[in-house]
Each structure stands twice: as structure tokens, then as C-alpha cells.
């Protein structure tokens, strides 16, 4: 069950439902059913990157049972967020990956392992 949380000081550039688009991306790259993907975007205009709140950026946490090709995952997420949030400095997209054991992830009142 992948959980993606994005903290950002930048609003999405389009009226697209960025959480739904990110859900599809995560499901595709991790080869997981989209029905197991949970995505949350948290907007906070006072976040600072490089000491400045005028610098756009995102702090990203992804927890999943298995992460597959981490380089592809990070590359695709970075490109997606840079595009949708208009972040030009890719160093301001910081991603934390957590490959959780199935016994530590639950949904519907039961763990996955």
C-alpha cells in the first residue's frame, strides 16, 4: 500500500486533480493496484527552501511495501512535481523513500503480512 505525502509551498499550476494524477503515477511505477494508493498534498506557503519562502519546493515522503526501481521512481516523481508545481530548482524537491515490511503496513484493520 503506497502512501505518498507531498508538503509544498507551491500551488499546482493547473486545475487538474494533482492527487489523482500522482496516484496513477505511483501505481504505474510501483506496479501496484491504484486502489491501494493513498496520496495527500499539503500546501504551506510559509515553507522555506534555501532559507527563502519565495523559493518553490516540495518535501516528499513515500512509504510502500517494495519500491522497485528507486531511480525511476525518484526521476518520475521529480519530473511530475517540477511540472505540476512549477519548481525550477530540482534540488528543492526532496524525497524520502521508506520500504516498509508488510507486517508494518495496514489497511482495513489488518496488516499486509
Protein backbone atom coordinates (compact mmCIF):
# COMPACT_ATOMS: atom_id res chain seq x y z
CA UNK A 1 0.00 0.00 0.00
CA UNK A 2 1.88 3.08 -1.17
CA UNK A 3 1.34 6.28 0.82
CA UNK A 4 2.59 9.48 -0.83
CA UNK A 5 2.62 12.76 1.11
CA UNK A 6 3.80 15.97 -0.52
CA UNK A 7 4.40 19.12 1.51
CA UNK A 8 4.82 22.15 -0.75
CA UNK A 9 4.77 25.93 -0.81
CA UNK A 10 3.60 25.97 -4.42
CA UNK A 11 0.06 25.57 -5.71
CA UNK A 12 -0.45 23.29 -8.73
CA UNK A 13 -0.35 25.24 -12.00
CA UNK A 14 -3.44 23.58 -13.43
CA UNK A 15 -6.90 22.72 -12.20
CA UNK A 16 -6.01 19.04 -12.57
CA UNK A 17 -6.57 16.94 -9.53
CA UNK A 18 -2.89 16.56 -8.74
CA UNK A 19 -3.57 13.86 -6.12
CA UNK A 20 -5.34 11.67 -8.69
CA UNK A 21 -2.55 12.19 -11.23
CA UNK A 22 0.09 11.37 -8.61
CA UNK A 23 -1.89 8.25 -7.62
CA UNK A 24 -1.77 6.99 -11.19
CA UNK A 25 1.95 7.70 -11.44
CA UNK A 26 2.78 5.89 -8.19
CA UNK A 27 0.62 2.88 -9.11
CA UNK A 28 2.22 2.65 -12.54
CA UNK A 29 5.84 2.94 -11.42
CA UNK A 30 5.44 0.64 -8.40
CA UNK A 31 3.25 -1.87 -10.28
CA UNK A 32 0.62 -1.66 -7.52
CA UNK A 33 -3.17 -1.55 -7.87
CA UNK A 34 -4.33 2.06 -7.78
CA UNK A 35 -6.97 1.00 -5.26
CA UNK A 36 -4.17 0.64 -2.69
CA UNK A 37 -2.55 4.05 -3.33
CA UNK A 38 -3.16 6.97 -0.94
CA UNK A 39 -1.91 10.48 -1.82
CA UNK A 40 -2.01 13.69 0.20
CA UNK A 41 -0.82 17.15 -0.88
CA UNK A 42 -0.33 19.68 1.90
CA UNK A 43 0.09 23.31 0.86
CA UNK A 44 2.00 25.60 3.22
CA UNK A 45 3.08 28.94 1.70
CA UNK A 46 5.49 29.63 4.59
CA UNK A 47 7.78 26.66 3.83
CA UNK A 48 11.32 27.80 3.08
CA UNK A 49 13.85 26.28 0.71
CA UNK A 50 17.40 27.60 0.77
CA UNK A 51 16.33 29.98 3.51
CA UNK A 52 13.59 31.63 1.47
CA UNK A 53 9.83 31.07 1.34
CA UNK A 54 9.82 32.57 -2.17
CA UNK A 55 11.78 29.54 -3.42
CA UNK A 56 9.30 26.92 -4.61
CA UNK A 57 9.87 23.37 -3.45
CA UNK A 58 8.44 20.13 -2.11
CA UNK A 59 9.23 17.71 0.69
CA UNK A 60 8.02 14.25 -0.28
CA UNK A 61 7.53 11.08 1.75
CA UNK A 62 6.73 7.79 0.05
CA UNK A 63 6.08 4.63 2.05
CA UNK A 64 5.48 1.38 0.21
CA UNK A 65 5.83 -2.37 0.57
CA UNK A 66 8.54 -2.66 -2.06
CA UNK A 67 9.89 0.28 -4.04
CA UNK A 68 11.03 -1.41 -7.23
CA UNK A 69 13.37 0.69 -9.35
CA UNK A 70 14.08 3.59 -6.98
CA UNK A 71 15.95 5.63 -9.59
CA UNK A 72 13.00 5.51 -11.99
CA UNK A 73 10.60 6.29 -9.15
CA UNK A 74 12.58 9.33 -7.98
CA UNK A 75 13.10 10.55 -11.55
CA UNK A 76 9.41 10.28 -12.47
CA UNK A 77 8.22 11.87 -9.21
CA UNK A 78 10.72 14.72 -9.53
CA UNK A 79 9.69 15.46 -13.13
CA UNK A 80 6.00 15.27 -12.22
CA UNK A 81 6.31 17.63 -9.25
CA UNK A 82 8.56 20.06 -11.10
CA UNK A 83 5.96 20.29 -13.86
CA UNK A 84 2.77 20.43 -11.79
CA UNK A 85 4.15 22.72 -9.07
CA UNK A 86 6.38 24.83 -11.35
CA UNK A 87 9.50 24.10 -9.33
CA UNK A 88 12.55 25.13 -11.36
CA UNK A 89 15.27 24.24 -8.85
CA UNK A 90 15.16 20.44 -8.74
CA UNK A 91 17.32 20.50 -5.58
CA UNK A 92 14.21 21.85 -3.85
CA UNK A 93 12.38 18.56 -4.44
CA UNK A 94 13.47 16.35 -1.56
CA UNK A 95 12.16 12.79 -1.49
CA UNK A 96 12.28 10.34 1.40
CA UNK A 97 11.66 6.69 0.47
CA UNK A 98 10.57 4.13 3.04
CA UNK A 99 10.44 0.47 2.01
CA UNK A 100 8.21 -0.90 4.76
CA UNK A 101 7.83 -4.58 5.65
CA UNK A 102 4.32 -5.90 5.00
CA UNK A 103 3.91 -6.59 8.72
CA UNK A 104 4.23 -2.84 9.41
CA UNK A 105 1.61 -1.62 6.93
CA UNK A 106 -2.14 -1.95 7.47
CA UNK A 107 -5.39 -1.21 5.70
CA UNK A 108 -8.93 -2.12 6.63
CA UNK A 109 -7.85 -3.13 10.12
CA UNK A 110 -5.31 -5.74 9.01
CA UNK A 111 -1.61 -5.73 8.21
CA UNK A 112 -0.40 -6.94 4.83
CA UNK A 113 1.91 -9.54 6.33
